[in-house]
Amino acid sequence: MNSVPTAPVTLRLRVTAAAESRLRTGHPWLFADSVRGSNRPGRLGELAVIFDRHDRFLAIGLFDPDSPLRVRVLHAGKPQTLDAPWWRTRLRTALERRAGLFDAQTTGYRLIHGENDRWPGLVLDRYAATGVLKIYTAAWLPRLGLDDAPPADAVLPLLHAELPELETFVLRLSRNLQTLARERFGLTDGQVLSGRDSAPNVRFLETGLTFEADVRRGQKTGFFLDQRENRLRIGTLARGRAVLNVFSFSGAFSVYAARGGATSTTDLDLSPHALESAARNLALNRHLPTVAACHHERVQADAFAWLAQHPSRLFDLIVLDPPSLARRESERPGAIQAYGRLVASSLRWLAPGGVLLAASCSAHVSADEFFGTVRTALRGTGRRFTELETTGHPPDHLATFPEAHYLKAIYLRCEGLTPPGQTRPSRRRPTR
């Protein structure tokens, strides 16, 4: 007599009192050292139900038995059934948040922003007709739905159904997942999951400018979409100015500056690949009269060493947008010192009356710490300055919990040295 297979017993977890409190406030992470017990060992990617000390439902999320971040929370509060309609509603909610943000002149933006859209550890960016799916937790790998008969709640079929305008989907993997993804699931970073196997560089529009994104090999998902609003602001400040773009990467700040009427732009980056990308992006927009009229220069050098030199000329607008200098908490003190050195060195190259944009994408350095470091470095140079504004995340990169607030930027107009005997107060405008 054949036995009838039974559904696996739901994975149930109990957690510490401190973890209960965090989950009740809506925090999306449960760490391994906060798990007090479970009814059985958990499997990668299955749903784990979290209960409080009184056996009441707290939350449900994706389980990863090998990660210190043991559960990424999908839902907290009252119990819900996470069936196919639930997943469809969750995706539509994220898409509706972006409704009306962009017109036809912008075809590159974020559609799903991980935990902040309650898709923890998963990011989806759009570049024209290409969707780039970046995974930061292995728990999503068995849920992608690449089998011939995927389950009803699989990710990729859902994306196809709700986003018919995206013809191709590319998979990007966090570096720490790449070995596991290859060995257990046969997946590789940059793999085309569906659609045509197109060239790595995909063209898209951003506020009417054309850019290329290296969606299969480039940093993040191929482009830094989160700096869109700061690029727009730089465009409004650039007219008649000589612009230095430090850590220029794709040169996007320079393209915006050129469109805005900059007399010259200088891209500074250590990577020849990045400088080549910047040159291509400028060429894509050279049909615009202001871009064609702007003098463009590229410098391949280490930014710290180059800025430490004696200035050979002065710039009227400097963009200082380094990569993350603190990828873990232990690197935070060194990152703060490095930001201070960069700002102080940059000011030596900035003409009186010039504008400095200093930005940070280090989540481990708070906005208060970063802005304080910039202000301290400015005061240390003896130059008078006026704060124009500070900025954070754009609306398609919303931040809903403390660790999500990684992006911050400050604009300052810097004059000459303070006359002897006078103090150097900063004149702040309202912070946005």
Protein backbone atom coordinates (compact mmCIF):
# COMPACT_ATOMS: atom_id res chain seq x y z
CA MET A 1 0.00 0.00 0.00
CA ASN A 2 1.46 3.31 -1.10
CA SER A 3 1.68 6.04 1.49
CA VAL A 4 0.35 9.49 0.67
CA PRO A 5 3.06 12.18 0.90
CA THR A 6 2.37 14.77 3.53
CA ALA A 7 3.20 18.44 3.49
CA PRO A 8 6.26 19.34 5.56
CA VAL A 9 5.63 20.68 9.04
CA THR A 10 5.82 24.47 9.07
CA LEU A 11 9.14 25.75 10.37
CA ARG A 12 8.47 27.52 13.68
CA LEU A 13 10.99 29.73 15.45
CA ARG A 14 11.04 31.34 18.86
CA VAL A 15 13.26 34.33 19.47
CA THR A 16 14.74 36.45 22.24
CA ALA A 17 12.80 39.22 23.92
CA ALA A 18 15.02 41.83 22.25
CA ALA A 19 14.32 40.33 18.82
CA GLU A 20 10.59 40.31 19.59
CA SER A 21 10.75 44.04 20.26
CA ARG A 22 12.63 44.77 17.05
CA LEU A 23 10.24 42.71 14.95
CA ARG A 24 7.23 44.45 16.49
CA THR A 25 8.65 47.81 15.37
CA GLY A 26 8.84 46.54 11.79
CA HIS A 27 12.55 45.75 11.54
CA PRO A 28 13.03 43.28 8.68
CA TRP A 29 15.96 41.19 9.99
CA LEU A 30 16.25 38.31 12.45
CA PHE A 31 19.82 37.28 13.28
CA ALA A 32 20.90 33.76 14.14
CA ASP A 33 21.93 34.63 17.70
CA SER A 34 18.37 35.86 18.37
CA VAL A 35 16.78 32.45 17.67
CA ARG A 36 16.00 30.63 20.92
CA GLY A 37 14.66 27.45 19.37
CA SER A 38 12.91 25.79 16.42
CA ASN A 39 10.69 22.77 15.89
CA ARG A 40 13.05 21.31 13.26
CA PRO A 41 16.06 22.25 11.10
CA GLY A 42 15.15 24.72 8.39
CA ARG A 43 15.81 24.52 4.65
CA LEU A 44 17.20 27.27 2.46
CA GLY A 45 14.45 29.51 1.10
CA GLU A 46 11.53 28.06 3.02
CA LEU A 47 9.11 30.21 4.97
CA ALA A 48 9.83 30.44 8.68
CA VAL A 49 7.07 31.51 11.07
CA ILE A 50 8.27 33.43 14.12
CA PHE A 51 6.34 33.26 17.39
CA ASP A 52 6.70 35.25 20.59
CA ARG A 53 7.18 33.79 24.08
CA HIS A 54 3.38 33.44 24.44
CA ASP A 55 3.13 31.41 21.22
CA ARG A 56 1.57 34.29 19.30
CA PHE A 57 2.39 35.00 15.67
CA LEU A 58 5.04 37.68 15.18
CA ALA A 59 6.25 37.47 11.60
CA ILE A 60 7.02 35.26 8.63
CA GLY A 61 10.05 35.40 6.40
CA LEU A 62 12.64 33.68 4.22
CA PHE A 63 14.96 31.28 6.06
CA ASP A 64 18.68 30.83 5.39
CA PRO A 65 20.28 28.20 7.64
CA ASP A 66 23.84 29.26 6.78
CA SER A 67 23.60 33.02 7.15
CA PRO A 68 24.07 35.08 10.34
CA LEU A 69 21.01 36.97 9.05
CA ARG A 70 18.81 33.93 9.58
CA VAL A 71 15.38 35.28 8.53
CA ARG A 72 14.47 38.15 6.21
CA VAL A 73 10.99 39.21 7.18
CA LEU A 74 8.28 39.32 4.53
CA HIS A 75 5.33 40.12 6.77
CA ALA A 76 4.74 41.02 10.41
CA GLY A 77 1.59 41.69 12.40
CA LYS A 78 -1.52 39.58 11.89
CA PRO A 79 -1.09 36.14 10.25
CA GLN A 80 -1.49 36.00 6.48
CA THR A 81 -1.29 33.24 3.89
CA LEU A 82 1.60 33.88 1.50
CA ASP A 83 0.00 32.37 -1.60
CA ALA A 84 0.28 33.44 -5.25
CA PRO A 85 -2.27 36.31 -4.92
CA TRP A 86 -0.36 37.60 -1.89
CA TRP A 87 2.89 37.75 -3.87
CA ARG A 88 1.16 39.43 -6.80
CA THR A 89 -0.27 42.10 -4.50
CA ARG A 90 3.12 42.61 -2.88
CA LEU A 91 4.72 43.22 -6.29
CA ARG A 92 1.95 45.53 -7.46
CA THR A 93 2.33 47.60 -4.29
CA ALA A 94 6.00 48.21 -5.08
CA LEU A 95 5.21 49.13 -8.68
CA GLU A 96 2.43 51.50 -7.62
CA ARG A 97 4.90 53.40 -5.44
CA ARG A 98 6.77 54.34 -8.64
CA ALA A 99 3.65 55.23 -10.63
CA GLY A 100 3.93 58.78 -11.92
CA LEU A 101 7.55 59.29 -10.81
CA PHE A 102 9.01 59.08 -14.31
CA ASP A 103 7.97 60.00 -17.82
CA ALA A 104 9.17 58.65 -21.16
CA GLN A 105 12.42 60.63 -20.80
CA THR A 106 13.53 58.33 -17.97
CA THR A 107 13.63 54.59 -18.63
CA GLY A 108 16.17 53.64 -15.95
CA TYR A 109 14.97 53.39 -12.35
CA ARG A 110 14.41 51.02 -9.43
CA LEU A 111 11.25 48.93 -9.33
CA ILE A 112 11.88 46.90 -6.16
CA HIS A 113 14.12 48.17 -3.38
CA GLY A 114 14.65 45.14 -1.18
CA GLU A 115 13.48 45.31 2.43
CA ASN A 116 12.08 48.79 1.88
CA ASP A 117 9.48 47.36 -0.50
CA ARG A 118 9.17 44.22 1.65
CA TRP A 119 11.10 42.14 -0.84
CA PRO A 120 14.03 41.55 1.53
CA GLY A 121 17.37 40.89 -0.12
CA LEU A 122 16.03 41.40 -3.66
CA VAL A 123 16.44 44.41 -5.94
CA LEU A 124 14.94 44.93 -9.40
CA ASP A 125 16.15 47.74 -11.67
CA ARG A 126 14.78 48.65 -15.05
CA TYR A 127 16.99 49.71 -17.95
CA ALA A 128 14.65 50.33 -20.89
CA ALA A 129 13.36 46.84 -21.80
CA THR A 130 15.83 44.99 -19.56
CA GLY A 131 15.19 44.08 -15.94
CA VAL A 132 18.17 43.40 -13.68
CA LEU A 133 17.39 41.23 -10.67
CA LYS A 134 20.04 41.43 -7.95
CA ILE A 135 19.96 38.91 -5.12
CA TYR A 136 21.58 39.56 -1.73
CA THR A 137 20.41 36.42 0.09
CA ALA A 138 20.62 32.79 -0.99
CA ALA A 139 17.05 32.30 0.26
CA TRP A 140 15.74 33.64 -3.05
CA LEU A 141 17.71 31.19 -5.22
CA PRO A 142 15.30 28.22 -4.91
CA ARG A 143 12.38 30.62 -5.42
CA LEU A 144 13.33 32.11 -8.79
CA GLY A 145 11.16 29.65 -10.74
CA LEU A 146 13.53 28.50 -13.47
CA ASP A 147 12.11 24.96 -13.63
CA ASP A 148 9.85 23.77 -16.42
CA ALA A 149 6.93 23.74 -13.98
CA PRO A 150 7.65 26.52 -11.47
CA PRO A 151 5.48 26.89 -8.36
CA ALA A 152 2.69 29.46 -8.36
CA ASP A 153 4.65 31.82 -6.10
CA ALA A 154 7.91 31.75 -8.11
CA VAL A 155 9.57 35.11 -8.73
CA LEU A 156 10.41 35.12 -12.43
CA PRO A 157 6.97 34.07 -13.77
CA LEU A 158 5.41 36.74 -11.57
CA LEU A 159 7.74 39.41 -12.98
CA HIS A 160 6.92 38.33 -16.53
CA ALA A 161 3.19 38.55 -15.83
CA GLU A 162 3.26 41.97 -14.15
CA LEU A 163 6.00 43.64 -16.22
CA PRO A 164 5.36 42.72 -19.86
CA GLU A 165 7.38 45.76 -21.01
CA LEU A 166 10.56 44.05 -19.80
CA GLU A 167 11.76 41.71 -22.53
CA THR A 168 14.93 40.43 -20.84
CA PHE A 169 15.82 39.59 -17.25
CA VAL A 170 19.43 39.42 -16.05
CA LEU A 171 20.53 37.89 -12.74
CA ARG A 172 23.12 39.64 -10.60
CA LEU A 173 24.44 37.99 -7.48
CA SER A 174 26.03 39.45 -4.38
CA ARG A 175 29.67 38.37 -4.28
CA ASN A 176 29.22 36.16 -1.22
CA LEU A 177 26.51 34.12 -3.02
CA GLN A 178 28.27 33.37 -6.27
CA THR A 179 29.95 30.09 -5.33
CA LEU A 180 26.81 28.63 -3.72
CA ALA A 181 24.62 29.76 -6.62
CA ARG A 182 26.91 28.09 -9.13
CA GLU A 183 27.46 24.84 -7.25
CA ARG A 184 23.92 24.21 -5.97
CA PHE A 185 21.72 25.92 -8.54
CA GLY A 186 23.85 26.25 -11.68
CA LEU A 187 23.42 30.04 -11.67
CA THR A 188 26.10 32.60 -12.47
CA ASP A 189 26.43 36.33 -11.95
CA GLY A 190 25.37 38.17 -15.10
CA GLN A 191 23.35 35.23 -16.44
CA VAL A 192 20.40 36.01 -18.70
CA LEU A 193 17.42 34.37 -17.03
CA SER A 194 14.96 34.97 -19.85
CA GLY A 195 14.71 36.88 -23.10
CA ARG A 196 17.44 37.44 -25.63
CA ASP A 197 21.11 37.11 -24.71
CA SER A 198 21.93 40.72 -25.46
CA ALA A 199 25.21 42.60 -25.23
CA PRO A 200 26.29 43.58 -21.69
CA ASN A 201 25.80 47.30 -22.30
CA VAL A 202 22.15 48.33 -22.36
CA ARG A 203 21.15 51.88 -23.34
CA PHE A 204 18.51 53.75 -21.41
CA LEU A 205 17.28 57.29 -20.84
CA GLU A 206 17.62 59.42 -17.73
CA THR A 207 15.85 62.81 -17.89
CA GLY A 208 16.41 62.82 -21.66
CA LEU A 209 20.10 61.89 -21.55
CA THR A 210 21.30 58.56 -22.95
CA PHE A 211 23.50 56.27 -20.88
CA GLU A 212 24.87 52.76 -21.04
CA ALA A 213 24.56 50.28 -18.18
CA ASP A 214 26.83 47.25 -18.03
CA VAL A 215 24.06 45.06 -16.67
CA ARG A 216 26.06 41.82 -16.68
CA ARG A 217 29.42 42.90 -15.23
CA GLY A 218 29.04 46.42 -13.87
CA GLN A 219 28.86 47.53 -10.26
CA LYS A 220 25.52 47.16 -8.48
CA THR A 221 23.07 46.44 -11.32
CA GLY A 222 25.16 48.30 -13.91
CA PHE A 223 24.63 51.96 -13.02
CA PHE A 224 24.22 54.17 -9.96
CA LEU A 225 20.55 55.01 -10.41
CA ASP A 226 20.29 56.35 -6.86
CA GLN A 227 22.26 59.51 -7.72
CA ARG A 228 19.79 60.70 -10.36
CA GLU A 229 18.48 63.66 -8.38
CA ASN A 230 21.96 64.82 -7.38
CA ARG A 231 23.01 64.64 -11.02
CA LEU A 232 20.06 66.86 -11.93
CA ARG A 233 21.08 69.34 -9.24
CA ILE A 234 24.66 69.44 -10.54
CA GLY A 235 23.28 70.24 -13.98
CA THR A 236 21.56 73.32 -12.60
CA LEU A 237 24.78 74.51 -10.91
CA ALA A 238 27.21 73.87 -13.77
CA ARG A 239 26.66 76.76 -16.20
CA GLY A 240 29.92 78.56 -16.93
CA ARG A 241 31.89 76.38 -14.50
CA ALA A 242 34.91 74.10 -14.80
CA VAL A 243 33.86 70.79 -13.20
CA LEU A 244 35.97 68.10 -11.53
CA ASN A 245 34.22 64.74 -11.16
CA VAL A 246 36.16 62.67 -8.59
CA PHE A 247 35.55 58.89 -8.61
CA SER A 248 33.75 59.56 -11.87
CA PHE A 249 32.81 55.94 -12.72
CA SER A 250 30.42 56.21 -15.71
CA GLY A 251 30.89 59.97 -16.01
CA ALA A 252 27.18 60.63 -15.48
CA PHE A 253 27.74 63.71 -13.30
CA SER A 254 29.92 65.14 -16.07
CA VAL A 255 27.29 64.52 -18.73
CA TYR A 256 24.70 66.38 -16.65
CA ALA A 257 27.18 69.20 -16.01
CA ALA A 258 27.92 69.47 -19.73
CA ARG A 259 24.23 69.61 -20.59
CA GLY A 260 23.87 72.33 -17.97
CA GLY A 261 26.46 74.51 -19.66
CA ALA A 262 29.77 73.65 -17.98
CA THR A 263 32.79 75.01 -19.81
CA SER A 264 34.82 71.88 -19.06
CA THR A 265 34.56 68.56 -17.22
CA THR A 266 37.39 66.41 -15.86
CA ASP A 267 36.67 62.79 -14.98
CA LEU A 268 39.05 61.34 -12.37
CA ASP A 269 39.01 57.59 -11.77
CA LEU A 270 41.55 54.83 -11.20
CA SER A 271 39.75 52.37 -13.48
CA PRO A 272 40.43 52.57 -17.23
CA HIS A 273 37.20 50.63 -17.78
CA ALA A 274 35.26 53.33 -15.91
CA LEU A 275 36.89 56.11 -17.93
CA GLU A 276 36.08 54.30 -21.17
CA SER A 277 32.47 54.07 -20.02
CA ALA A 278 32.47 57.80 -19.27
CA ALA A 279 33.79 58.54 -22.76
CA ARG A 280 31.02 56.44 -24.34
CA ASN A 281 28.34 58.17 -22.30
CA LEU A 282 29.60 61.58 -23.35
CA ALA A 283 29.67 60.47 -26.98
CA LEU A 284 26.06 59.27 -26.72
CA ASN A 285 24.98 62.81 -25.82
CA ARG A 286 27.30 64.85 -28.03
CA HIS A 287 24.38 65.75 -30.29
CA LEU A 288 23.34 68.22 -27.57
CA PRO A 289 24.94 71.62 -28.28
CA THR A 290 26.09 72.24 -24.71
CA VAL A 291 27.68 68.78 -24.46
CA ALA A 292 29.47 69.28 -27.78
CA ALA A 293 30.73 72.72 -26.70
CA CYS A 294 32.07 71.49 -23.35
CA HIS A 295 35.75 70.52 -23.15
CA HIS A 296 36.14 67.01 -21.68
CA GLU A 297 39.21 65.51 -20.06
CA ARG A 298 39.87 62.15 -18.40
CA VAL A 299 42.50 61.46 -15.76
CA GLN A 300 43.39 57.92 -14.71
CA ALA A 301 44.79 58.12 -11.19
CA ASP A 302 44.17 57.22 -7.57
CA ALA A 303 41.89 59.98 -6.32
CA PHE A 304 43.50 60.22 -2.87
CA ALA A 305 46.99 60.60 -4.33
CA TRP A 306 45.95 62.93 -7.16
CA LEU A 307 44.05 65.30 -4.87
CA ALA A 308 47.02 65.39 -2.46
CA GLN A 309 49.21 66.96 -5.16
CA HIS A 310 49.81 70.68 -5.40
CA PRO A 311 46.89 72.01 -7.48
CA SER A 312 47.83 72.67 -11.08
CA ARG A 313 44.56 74.54 -11.67
CA LEU A 314 41.33 75.36 -9.90
CA PHE A 315 37.80 74.13 -10.53
CA ASP A 316 34.51 75.93 -9.94
CA LEU A 317 32.47 72.81 -9.12
CA ILE A 318 33.75 69.57 -7.61
CA VAL A 319 31.74 66.35 -7.27
CA LEU A 320 33.18 64.05 -4.60
CA ASP A 321 31.27 60.77 -4.74
CA PRO A 322 33.52 57.89 -3.61
CA PRO A 323 32.50 54.24 -3.41
CA SER A 324 31.53 52.88 -0.01
CA LEU A 325 34.47 53.38 2.33
CA ALA A 326 32.91 51.31 5.15
CA ARG A 327 31.54 47.98 4.00
CA ARG A 328 31.38 46.74 7.60
CA GLU A 329 31.03 48.38 11.00
CA SER A 330 34.69 47.82 11.87
CA GLU A 331 35.69 50.06 8.95
CA ARG A 332 33.57 53.01 10.09
CA PRO A 333 36.27 54.99 11.99
CA GLY A 334 38.71 54.70 9.09
CA ALA A 335 36.02 55.72 6.62
CA ILE A 336 35.19 58.86 8.58
CA GLN A 337 38.86 59.85 8.58
CA ALA A 338 39.12 59.13 4.85
CA TYR A 339 36.10 61.32 4.08
CA GLY A 340 37.72 64.15 6.01
CA ARG A 341 40.97 63.81 4.05
CA LEU A 342 39.14 63.74 0.73
CA VAL A 343 37.16 66.88 1.52
CA ALA A 344 40.21 68.79 2.75
CA SER A 345 42.23 67.76 -0.32
CA SER A 346 39.40 68.61 -2.71
CA LEU A 347 39.08 72.12 -1.31
CA ARG A 348 42.63 72.89 -2.39
CA TRP A 349 41.43 72.47 -5.98
CA LEU A 350 38.25 74.53 -5.54
CA ALA A 351 38.22 78.16 -6.66
CA PRO A 352 36.80 80.87 -4.34
CA GLY A 353 33.03 80.93 -4.79
CA GLY A 354 33.08 77.35 -6.05
CA VAL A 355 30.64 74.60 -5.06
CA LEU A 356 31.50 71.24 -3.53
CA LEU A 357 29.14 68.26 -3.60
CA ALA A 358 30.28 65.63 -1.09
CA ALA A 359 28.38 62.35 -1.08
CA SER A 360 28.58 59.08 0.84
CA CYS A 361 27.02 55.70 0.13
CA SER A 362 28.37 54.03 3.29
CA ALA A 363 25.48 52.71 5.36
CA HIS A 364 27.75 52.29 8.39
CA VAL A 365 28.46 56.05 8.42
CA SER A 366 25.36 57.97 9.49
CA ALA A 367 24.24 61.21 7.90
CA ASP A 368 25.10 63.14 11.07
CA GLU A 369 28.59 61.63 11.16
CA PHE A 370 29.20 62.30 7.48
CA PHE A 371 27.91 65.87 7.45
CA GLY A 372 29.80 66.58 10.66
CA THR A 373 33.01 65.25 9.12
CA VAL A 374 32.59 67.44 6.03
CA ARG A 375 31.92 70.55 8.10
CA THR A 376 34.90 69.87 10.37
CA ALA A 377 37.18 69.40 7.36
CA LEU A 378 35.95 72.68 5.88
CA ARG A 379 36.55 74.59 9.09
CA GLY A 380 40.01 73.10 9.29
CA THR A 381 40.95 74.69 5.96
CA GLY A 382 40.06 78.17 7.21
CA ARG A 383 37.70 78.79 4.29
CA ARG A 384 34.33 80.44 4.72
CA PHE A 385 31.44 78.33 3.47
CA THR A 386 27.68 78.32 3.07
CA GLU A 387 25.64 75.14 3.16
CA LEU A 388 23.26 75.08 0.23
CA GLU A 389 21.37 71.86 0.99
CA THR A 390 21.62 68.24 2.05
CA THR A 391 19.92 65.36 0.25
CA GLY A 392 19.17 61.69 0.83
CA HIS A 393 17.41 58.92 -1.02
CA PRO A 394 15.38 59.45 -4.20
CA PRO A 395 11.77 58.21 -4.11
CA ASP A 396 12.43 55.00 -6.05
CA HIS A 397 15.11 54.11 -3.44
CA LEU A 398 12.97 54.70 -0.35
CA ALA A 399 14.53 53.88 3.03
CA THR A 400 12.21 52.52 5.73
CA PHE A 401 14.53 51.27 8.50
CA PRO A 402 17.76 52.60 10.02
CA GLU A 403 20.26 50.38 8.18
CA ALA A 404 18.69 51.31 4.83
CA HIS A 405 19.75 54.96 5.05
CA TYR A 406 23.02 54.69 3.15
CA LEU A 407 22.92 57.65 0.73
CA LYS A 408 23.59 61.20 1.87
CA ALA A 409 25.00 64.29 0.16
CA ILE A 410 25.80 67.89 1.08
CA TYR A 411 26.27 70.94 -1.17
CA LEU A 412 28.50 73.80 -0.02
CA ARG A 413 29.62 77.08 -1.56
CA CYS A 414 33.16 77.84 -0.44
CA GLU A 415 34.76 81.28 -0.39
CA GLY A 416 38.33 82.29 0.38
CA LEU A 417 40.14 82.20 3.70
CA THR A 418 38.54 83.83 6.73
CA PRO A 419 40.25 87.14 7.54
CA PRO A 420 42.48 87.00 10.64
CA GLY A 421 40.63 87.58 13.90
CA GLN A 422 37.23 86.54 12.55
CA THR A 423 35.35 83.36 13.35
CA ARG A 424 34.18 80.96 10.66
CA PRO A 425 30.49 80.21 11.28
CA SER A 426 28.70 78.24 8.60
CA ARG A 427 25.49 79.73 7.26
CA ARG A 428 23.08 76.88 6.83
CA ARG A 429 20.06 76.82 4.62
CA PRO A 430 17.14 74.53 5.41
CA THR A 431 17.99 70.84 5.17
CA ARG A 432 15.87 68.75 2.87
